[in-house]
Amino acid sequence: MASLFNPVTPENPGYYVEKKITPIAANKILCAGGGSFLLGKALKLVGQKKIGSFIGSWALPLLVVGGYRKITDSLDAESNKGAM
């Protein structure tokens, strides 16, 4: 059970998620979240309420992941800057 909380081992649930989203830039994820929100709203206005709700529901998770990536990237840059 102790290895579940170790961030370095593959047994950690977030290990594979972090590996998958690492190559994607934070700005691209944030743009996808904003685009999802706008596209969902546009589809709802046109009358496609179900698909608009589905696409719009992806906005918040994408924005959260993009924000997390932005914060962690800036913290990593600051810690690397201090190490030099």
PDB file of N, CA and C in Angstrom:
ATOM      1  N   MET A   1       0.820  -1.195   0.000  1.00  0.00           N
ATOM      2  CA  MET A   1       0.000   0.000   0.000  1.00  0.00           C
ATOM      3  C   MET A   1       0.863   1.257   0.000  1.00  0.00           C
ATOM      4  N   ALA A   2       2.083   1.165   0.536  1.00  0.00           N
ATOM      5  CA  ALA A   2       2.943   2.346   0.608  1.00  0.00           C
ATOM      6  C   ALA A   2       3.364   2.807  -0.777  1.00  0.00           C
ATOM      7  N   SER A   3       3.470   1.887  -1.744  1.00  0.00           N
ATOM      8  CA  SER A   3       3.909   2.283  -3.076  1.00  0.00           C
ATOM      9  C   SER A   3       2.827   3.057  -3.830  1.00  0.00           C
ATOM     10  N   LEU A   4       1.583   3.020  -3.362  1.00  0.00           N
ATOM     11  CA  LEU A   4       0.506   3.755  -4.011  1.00  0.00           C
ATOM     12  C   LEU A   4       0.743   5.259  -3.932  1.00  0.00           C
ATOM     13  N   PHE A   5       1.385   5.715  -2.881  1.00  0.00           N
ATOM     14  CA  PHE A   5       1.602   7.133  -2.683  1.00  0.00           C
ATOM     15  C   PHE A   5       2.969   7.603  -3.164  1.00  0.00           C
ATOM     16  N   ASN A   6       3.749   6.705  -3.711  1.00  0.00           N
ATOM     17  CA  ASN A   6       5.053   7.073  -4.246  1.00  0.00           C
ATOM     18  C   ASN A   6       4.868   7.559  -5.676  1.00  0.00           C
ATOM     19  N   PRO A   7       5.145   8.826  -5.971  1.00  0.00           N
ATOM     20  CA  PRO A   7       4.871   9.362  -7.303  1.00  0.00           C
ATOM     21  C   PRO A   7       5.792   8.838  -8.395  1.00  0.00           C
ATOM     22  N   VAL A   8       6.864   8.158  -8.045  1.00  0.00           N
ATOM     23  CA  VAL A   8       7.829   7.716  -9.047  1.00  0.00           C
ATOM     24  C   VAL A   8       7.459   6.361  -9.644  1.00  0.00           C
ATOM     25  N   THR A   9       6.720   5.555  -8.919  1.00  0.00           N
ATOM     26  CA  THR A   9       6.441   4.197  -9.373  1.00  0.00           C
ATOM     27  C   THR A   9       5.220   4.136 -10.281  1.00  0.00           C
ATOM     28  N   PRO A  10       5.189   3.162 -11.186  1.00  0.00           N
ATOM     29  CA  PRO A  10       4.037   3.005 -12.083  1.00  0.00           C
ATOM     30  C   PRO A  10       2.748   2.588 -11.374  1.00  0.00           C
ATOM     31  N   GLU A  11       2.816   2.175 -10.113  1.00  0.00           N
ATOM     32  CA  GLU A  11       1.603   1.790  -9.390  1.00  0.00           C
ATOM     33  C   GLU A  11       0.743   3.003  -9.044  1.00  0.00           C
ATOM     34  N   ASN A  12       1.315   4.182  -9.087  1.00  0.00           N
ATOM     35  CA  ASN A  12       0.582   5.414  -8.799  1.00  0.00           C
ATOM     36  C   ASN A  12      -0.411   5.673  -9.935  1.00  0.00           C
ATOM     37  N   PRO A  13      -1.689   5.893  -9.635  1.00  0.00           N
ATOM     38  CA  PRO A  13      -2.691   6.110 -10.697  1.00  0.00           C
ATOM     39  C   PRO A  13      -2.391   7.320 -11.587  1.00  0.00           C
ATOM     40  N   GLY A  14      -1.797   8.350 -11.040  1.00  0.00           N
ATOM     41  CA  GLY A  14      -1.505   9.538 -11.824  1.00  0.00           C
ATOM     42  C   GLY A  14      -0.257   9.427 -12.677  1.00  0.00           C
ATOM     43  N   TYR A  15       0.494   8.357 -12.496  1.00  0.00           N
ATOM     44  CA  TYR A  15       1.753   8.181 -13.220  1.00  0.00           C
ATOM     45  C   TYR A  15       1.529   8.119 -14.723  1.00  0.00           C
ATOM     46  N   TYR A  16       0.586   7.303 -15.147  1.00  0.00           N
ATOM     47  CA  TYR A  16       0.332   7.141 -16.580  1.00  0.00           C
ATOM     48  C   TYR A  16      -0.363   8.355 -17.172  1.00  0.00           C
ATOM     49  N   VAL A  17      -1.228   8.999 -16.398  1.00  0.00           N
ATOM     50  CA  VAL A  17      -1.907  10.201 -16.881  1.00  0.00           C
ATOM     51  C   VAL A  17      -0.874  11.295 -17.138  1.00  0.00           C
ATOM     52  N   GLU A  18       0.058  11.453 -16.219  1.00  0.00           N
ATOM     53  CA  GLU A  18       1.095  12.470 -16.376  1.00  0.00           C
ATOM     54  C   GLU A  18       1.975  12.167 -17.584  1.00  0.00           C
ATOM     55  N   LYS A  19       2.256  10.888 -17.819  1.00  0.00           N
ATOM     56  CA  LYS A  19       3.052  10.507 -18.986  1.00  0.00           C
ATOM     57  C   LYS A  19       2.322  10.808 -20.289  1.00  0.00           C
ATOM     58  N   LYS A  20       1.001  10.639 -20.305  1.00  0.00           N
ATOM     59  CA  LYS A  20       0.225  10.852 -21.532  1.00  0.00           C
ATOM     60  C   LYS A  20       0.100  12.329 -21.876  1.00  0.00           C
ATOM     61  N   ILE A  21      -0.088  13.207 -20.874  1.00  0.00           N
ATOM     62  CA  ILE A  21      -0.310  14.615 -21.178  1.00  0.00           C
ATOM     63  C   ILE A  21       0.977  15.429 -21.189  1.00  0.00           C
ATOM     64  N   THR A  22       2.115  14.843 -20.871  1.00  0.00           N
ATOM     65  CA  THR A  22       3.362  15.594 -20.844  1.00  0.00           C
ATOM     66  C   THR A  22       3.714  16.208 -22.191  1.00  0.00           C
ATOM     67  N   PRO A  23       3.557  15.514 -23.324  1.00  0.00           N
ATOM     68  CA  PRO A  23       3.947  16.141 -24.593  1.00  0.00           C
ATOM     69  C   PRO A  23       3.006  17.267 -25.049  1.00  0.00           C
ATOM     70  N   ILE A  24       1.837  17.376 -24.471  1.00  0.00           N
ATOM     71  CA  ILE A  24       0.882  18.405 -24.887  1.00  0.00           C
ATOM     72  C   ILE A  24       1.143  19.682 -24.094  1.00  0.00           C
ATOM     73  N   ALA A  25       1.300  20.802 -24.787  1.00  0.00           N
ATOM     74  CA  ALA A  25       1.574  22.076 -24.128  1.00  0.00           C
ATOM     75  C   ALA A  25       0.345  22.544 -23.349  1.00  0.00           C
ATOM     76  N   ALA A  26       0.597  23.268 -22.274  1.00  0.00           N
ATOM     77  CA  ALA A  26      -0.488  23.759 -21.422  1.00  0.00           C
ATOM     78  C   ALA A  26      -1.387  24.729 -22.186  1.00  0.00           C
ATOM     79  N   ASN A  27      -0.808  25.548 -23.051  1.00  0.00           N
ATOM     80  CA  ASN A  27      -1.616  26.502 -23.813  1.00  0.00           C
ATOM     81  C   ASN A  27      -2.584  25.793 -24.758  1.00  0.00           C
ATOM     82  N   LYS A  28      -2.161  24.669 -25.320  1.00  0.00           N
ATOM     83  CA  LYS A  28      -3.046  23.911 -26.215  1.00  0.00           C
ATOM     84  C   LYS A  28      -4.219  23.319 -25.441  1.00  0.00           C
ATOM     85  N   ILE A  29      -3.967  22.852 -24.236  1.00  0.00           N
ATOM     86  CA  ILE A  29      -5.038  22.285 -23.416  1.00  0.00           C
ATOM     87  C   ILE A  29      -6.019  23.386 -23.015  1.00  0.00           C
ATOM     88  N   LEU A  30      -5.495  24.555 -22.659  1.00  0.00           N
ATOM     89  CA  LEU A  30      -6.369  25.677 -22.288  1.00  0.00           C
ATOM     90  C   LEU A  30      -7.196  26.139 -23.484  1.00  0.00           C
ATOM     91  N   CYS A  31      -6.599  26.179 -24.658  1.00  0.00           N
ATOM     92  CA  CYS A  31      -7.349  26.559 -25.865  1.00  0.00           C
ATOM     93  C   CYS A  31      -8.426  25.523 -26.188  1.00  0.00           C
ATOM     94  N   ALA A  32      -8.120  24.257 -25.976  1.00  0.00           N
ATOM     95  CA  ALA A  32      -9.125  23.216 -26.210  1.00  0.00           C
ATOM     96  C   ALA A  32     -10.285  23.359 -25.236  1.00  0.00           C
ATOM     97  N   GLY A  33     -10.004  23.721 -23.990  1.00  0.00           N
ATOM     98  CA  GLY A  33     -11.066  23.937 -23.010  1.00  0.00           C
ATOM     99  C   GLY A  33     -11.939  25.124 -23.371  1.00  0.00           C
ATOM    100  N   GLY A  34     -11.310  26.217 -23.769  1.00  0.00           N
ATOM    101  CA  GLY A  34     -12.080  27.385 -24.186  1.00  0.00           C
ATOM    102  C   GLY A  34     -12.884  27.122 -25.447  1.00  0.00           C
ATOM    103  N   GLY A  35     -12.281  26.406 -26.387  1.00  0.00           N
ATOM    104  CA  GLY A  35     -12.989  26.055 -27.614  1.00  0.00           C
ATOM    105  C   GLY A  35     -14.157  25.131 -27.356  1.00  0.00           C
ATOM    106  N   SER A  36     -13.984  24.220 -26.418  1.00  0.00           N
ATOM    107  CA  SER A  36     -15.069  23.312 -26.056  1.00  0.00           C
ATOM    108  C   SER A  36     -16.244  24.087 -25.469  1.00  0.00           C
ATOM    109  N   PHE A  37     -15.923  25.058 -24.633  1.00  0.00           N
ATOM    110  CA  PHE A  37     -16.991  25.877 -24.052  1.00  0.00           C
ATOM    111  C   PHE A  37     -17.733  26.655 -25.133  1.00  0.00           C
ATOM    112  N   LEU A  38     -16.983  27.312 -26.008  1.00  0.00           N
ATOM    113  CA  LEU A  38     -17.617  28.126 -27.048  1.00  0.00           C
ATOM    114  C   LEU A  38     -18.400  27.282 -28.051  1.00  0.00           C
ATOM    115  N   LEU A  39     -17.847  26.139 -28.448  1.00  0.00           N
ATOM    116  CA  LEU A  39     -18.541  25.273 -29.387  1.00  0.00           C
ATOM    117  C   LEU A  39     -19.809  24.688 -28.769  1.00  0.00           C
ATOM    118  N   GLY A  40     -19.738  24.299 -27.504  1.00  0.00           N
ATOM    119  CA  GLY A  40     -20.921  23.783 -26.822  1.00  0.00           C
ATOM    120  C   GLY A  40     -22.013  24.829 -26.721  1.00  0.00           C
ATOM    121  N   LYS A  41     -21.616  26.067 -26.414  1.00  0.00           N
ATOM    122  CA  LYS A  41     -22.599  27.148 -26.320  1.00  0.00           C
ATOM    123  C   LYS A  41     -23.219  27.449 -27.683  1.00  0.00           C
ATOM    124  N   ALA A  42     -22.397  27.448 -28.731  1.00  0.00           N
ATOM    125  CA  ALA A  42     -22.905  27.709 -30.081  1.00  0.00           C
ATOM    126  C   ALA A  42     -23.880  26.617 -30.516  1.00  0.00           C
ATOM    127  N   LEU A  43     -23.554  25.368 -30.215  1.00  0.00           N
ATOM    128  CA  LEU A  43     -24.451  24.268 -30.582  1.00  0.00           C
ATOM    129  C   LEU A  43     -25.771  24.365 -29.830  1.00  0.00           C
ATOM    130  N   LYS A  44     -25.723  24.789 -28.582  1.00  0.00           N
ATOM    131  CA  LYS A  44     -26.971  24.956 -27.827  1.00  0.00           C
ATOM    132  C   LYS A  44     -27.830  26.063 -28.424  1.00  0.00           C
ATOM    133  N   LEU A  45     -27.192  27.148 -28.845  1.00  0.00           N
ATOM    134  CA  LEU A  45     -27.940  28.252 -29.450  1.00  0.00           C
ATOM    135  C   LEU A  45     -28.566  27.859 -30.776  1.00  0.00           C
ATOM    136  N   VAL A  46     -27.912  26.968 -31.508  1.00  0.00           N
ATOM    137  CA  VAL A  46     -28.427  26.514 -32.799  1.00  0.00           C
ATOM    138  C   VAL A  46     -29.575  25.531 -32.614  1.00  0.00           C
ATOM    139  N   GLY A  47     -29.637  24.870 -31.460  1.00  0.00           N
ATOM    140  CA  GLY A  47     -30.721  23.936 -31.209  1.00  0.00           C
ATOM    141  C   GLY A  47     -30.266  22.512 -30.941  1.00  0.00           C
ATOM    142  N   GLN A  48     -28.992  22.250 -31.039  1.00  0.00           N
ATOM    143  CA  GLN A  48     -28.438  20.915 -30.767  1.00  0.00           C
ATOM    144  C   GLN A  48     -28.076  20.831 -29.286  1.00  0.00           C
ATOM    145  N   LYS A  49     -29.087  20.724 -28.437  1.00  0.00           N
ATOM    146  CA  LYS A  49     -28.868  20.815 -26.999  1.00  0.00           C
ATOM    147  C   LYS A  49     -28.083  19.642 -26.415  1.00  0.00           C
ATOM    148  N   LYS A  50     -28.357  18.416 -26.868  1.00  0.00           N
ATOM    149  CA  LYS A  50     -27.675  17.257 -26.292  1.00  0.00           C
ATOM    150  C   LYS A  50     -26.193  17.242 -26.625  1.00  0.00           C
ATOM    151  N   ILE A  51     -25.863  17.409 -27.897  1.00  0.00           N
ATOM    152  CA  ILE A  51     -24.455  17.386 -28.288  1.00  0.00           C
ATOM    153  C   ILE A  51     -23.734  18.620 -27.756  1.00  0.00           C
ATOM    154  N   GLY A  52     -24.440  19.750 -27.665  1.00  0.00           N
ATOM    155  CA  GLY A  52     -23.852  20.953 -27.088  1.00  0.00           C
ATOM    156  C   GLY A  52     -23.509  20.775 -25.620  1.00  0.00           C
ATOM    157  N   SER A  53     -24.375  20.097 -24.893  1.00  0.00           N
ATOM    158  CA  SER A  53     -24.102  19.814 -23.484  1.00  0.00           C
ATOM    159  C   SER A  53     -22.929  18.851 -23.334  1.00  0.00           C
ATOM    160  N   PHE A  54     -22.859  17.864 -24.219  1.00  0.00           N
ATOM    161  CA  PHE A  54     -21.762  16.904 -24.153  1.00  0.00           C
ATOM    162  C   PHE A  54     -20.423  17.584 -24.410  1.00  0.00           C
ATOM    163  N   ILE A  55     -20.348  18.374 -25.459  1.00  0.00           N
ATOM    164  CA  ILE A  55     -19.092  19.044 -25.799  1.00  0.00           C
ATOM    165  C   ILE A  55     -18.758  20.112 -24.761  1.00  0.00           C
ATOM    166  N   GLY A  56     -19.755  20.829 -24.293  1.00  0.00           N
ATOM    167  CA  GLY A  56     -19.529  21.848 -23.280  1.00  0.00           C
ATOM    168  C   GLY A  56     -19.099  21.272 -21.942  1.00  0.00           C
ATOM    169  N   SER A  57     -19.464  20.034 -21.663  1.00  0.00           N
ATOM    170  CA  SER A  57     -19.083  19.428 -20.391  1.00  0.00           C
ATOM    171  C   SER A  57     -17.594  19.115 -20.320  1.00  0.00           C
ATOM    172  N   TRP A  58     -16.896  19.127 -21.441  1.00  0.00           N
ATOM    173  CA  TRP A  58     -15.452  18.890 -21.451  1.00  0.00           C
ATOM    174  C   TRP A  58     -14.667  20.146 -21.127  1.00  0.00           C
ATOM    175  N   ALA A  59     -15.314  21.299 -21.103  1.00  0.00           N
ATOM    176  CA  ALA A  59     -14.602  22.562 -20.902  1.00  0.00           C
ATOM    177  C   ALA A  59     -13.922  22.626 -19.535  1.00  0.00           C
ATOM    178  N   LEU A  60     -14.652  22.360 -18.477  1.00  0.00           N
ATOM    179  CA  LEU A  60     -14.090  22.497 -17.134  1.00  0.00           C
ATOM    180  C   LEU A  60     -12.927  21.537 -16.883  1.00  0.00           C
ATOM    181  N   PRO A  61     -13.035  20.241 -17.202  1.00  0.00           N
ATOM    182  CA  PRO A  61     -11.873  19.367 -16.981  1.00  0.00           C
ATOM    183  C   PRO A  61     -10.644  19.787 -17.786  1.00  0.00           C
ATOM    184  N   LEU A  62     -10.853  20.223 -19.017  1.00  0.00           N
ATOM    185  CA  LEU A  62      -9.714  20.654 -19.825  1.00  0.00           C
ATOM    186  C   LEU A  62      -9.077  21.922 -19.256  1.00  0.00           C
ATOM    187  N   LEU A  63      -9.890  22.849 -18.796  1.00  0.00           N
ATOM    188  CA  LEU A  63      -9.354  24.066 -18.211  1.00  0.00           C
ATOM    189  C   LEU A  63      -8.611  23.784 -16.904  1.00  0.00           C
ATOM    190  N   VAL A  64      -9.111  22.854 -16.127  1.00  0.00           N
ATOM    191  CA  VAL A  64      -8.430  22.492 -14.875  1.00  0.00           C
ATOM    192  C   VAL A  64      -7.083  21.841 -15.173  1.00  0.00           C
ATOM    193  N   VAL A  65      -7.050  20.912 -16.111  1.00  0.00           N
ATOM    194  CA  VAL A  65      -5.791  20.245 -16.456  1.00  0.00           C
ATOM    195  C   VAL A  65      -4.808  21.253 -17.039  1.00  0.00           C
ATOM    196  N   GLY A  66      -5.276  22.147 -17.896  1.00  0.00           N
ATOM    197  CA  GLY A  66      -4.401  23.164 -18.477  1.00  0.00           C
ATOM    198  C   GLY A  66      -3.850  24.111 -17.418  1.00  0.00           C
ATOM    199  N   GLY A  67      -4.697  24.511 -16.488  1.00  0.00           N
ATOM    200  CA  GLY A  67      -4.239  25.364 -15.388  1.00  0.00           C
ATOM    201  C   GLY A  67      -3.225  24.664 -14.504  1.00  0.00           C
ATOM    202  N   TYR A  68      -3.469  23.408 -14.220  1.00  0.00           N
ATOM    203  CA  TYR A  68      -2.527  22.616 -13.426  1.00  0.00           C
ATOM    204  C   TYR A  68      -1.177  22.533 -14.121  1.00  0.00           C
ATOM    205  N   ARG A  69      -1.218  22.269 -15.432  1.00  0.00           N
ATOM    206  CA  ARG A  69       0.037  22.186 -16.191  1.00  0.00           C
ATOM    207  C   ARG A  69       0.773  23.510 -16.194  1.00  0.00           C
ATOM    208  N   LYS A  70       0.040  24.632 -16.336  1.00  0.00           N
ATOM    209  CA  LYS A  70       0.663  25.955 -16.316  1.00  0.00           C
ATOM    210  C   LYS A  70       1.357  26.206 -14.979  1.00  0.00           C
ATOM    211  N   ILE A  71       0.673  25.891 -13.891  1.00  0.00           N
ATOM    212  CA  ILE A  71       1.236  26.130 -12.561  1.00  0.00           C
ATOM    213  C   ILE A  71       2.450  25.252 -12.330  1.00  0.00           C
ATOM    214  N   THR A  72       2.350  23.963 -12.643  1.00  0.00           N
ATOM    215  CA  THR A  72       3.483  23.070 -12.407  1.00  0.00           C
ATOM    216  C   THR A  72       4.656  23.422 -13.314  1.00  0.00           C
ATOM    217  N   ASP A  73       4.399  23.841 -14.548  1.00  0.00           N
ATOM    218  CA  ASP A  73       5.488  24.243 -15.430  1.00  0.00           C
ATOM    219  C   ASP A  73       6.195  25.480 -14.896  1.00  0.00           C
ATOM    220  N   SER A  74       5.434  26.439 -14.382  1.00  0.00           N
ATOM    221  CA  SER A  74       6.064  27.645 -13.844  1.00  0.00           C
ATOM    222  C   SER A  74       6.822  27.341 -12.563  1.00  0.00           C
ATOM    223  N   LEU A  75       6.298  26.443 -11.720  1.00  0.00           N
ATOM    224  CA  LEU A  75       7.022  26.072 -10.511  1.00  0.00           C
ATOM    225  C   LEU A  75       8.306  25.308 -10.837  1.00  0.00           C
ATOM    226  N   ASP A  76       8.239  24.451 -11.852  1.00  0.00           N
ATOM    227  CA  ASP A  76       9.439  23.729 -12.270  1.00  0.00           C
ATOM    228  C   ASP A  76      10.484  24.685 -12.821  1.00  0.00           C
ATOM    229  N   ALA A  77      10.046  25.683 -13.579  1.00  0.00           N
ATOM    230  CA  ALA A  77      10.983  26.655 -14.146  1.00  0.00           C
ATOM    231  C   ALA A  77      11.639  27.468 -13.044  1.00  0.00           C
ATOM    232  N   GLU A  78      10.868  27.847 -12.012  1.00  0.00           N
ATOM    233  CA  GLU A  78      11.440  28.600 -10.909  1.00  0.00           C
ATOM    234  C   GLU A  78      12.424  27.767 -10.103  1.00  0.00           C
ATOM    235  N   SER A  79      12.097  26.497  -9.881  1.00  0.00           N
ATOM    236  CA  SER A  79      13.011  25.657  -9.096  1.00  0.00           C
ATOM    237  C   SER A  79      14.279  25.343  -9.889  1.00  0.00           C
ATOM    238  N   ASN A  80      14.176  25.199 -11.195  1.00  0.00           N
ATOM    239  CA  ASN A  80      15.362  24.973 -12.019  1.00  0.00           C
ATOM    240  C   ASN A  80      16.205  26.241 -12.116  1.00  0.00           C
ATOM    241  N   LYS A  81      15.556  27.385 -12.119  1.00  0.00           N
ATOM    242  CA  LYS A  81      16.259  28.656 -12.188  1.00  0.00           C
ATOM    243  C   LYS A  81      17.095  28.886 -10.925  1.00  0.00           C
ATOM    244  N   GLY A  82      16.554  28.503  -9.787  1.00  0.00           N
ATOM    245  CA  GLY A  82      17.279  28.659  -8.521  1.00  0.00           C
ATOM    246  C   GLY A  82      18.416  27.680  -8.378  1.00  0.00           C
ATOM    247  N   ALA A  83      18.346  26.550  -9.097  1.00  0.00           N
ATOM    248  CA  ALA A  83      19.389  25.522  -8.978  1.00  0.00           C
ATOM    249  C   ALA A  83      20.624  25.894  -9.776  1.00  0.00           C
ATOM    250  N   MET A  84      20.479  26.789 -10.759  1.00  0.00           N
ATOM    251  CA  MET A  84      21.629  27.136 -11.602  1.00  0.00           C
ATOM    252  C   MET A  84      22.577  28.037 -10.924  1.00  0.00           C
TER     253      MET A  84
END
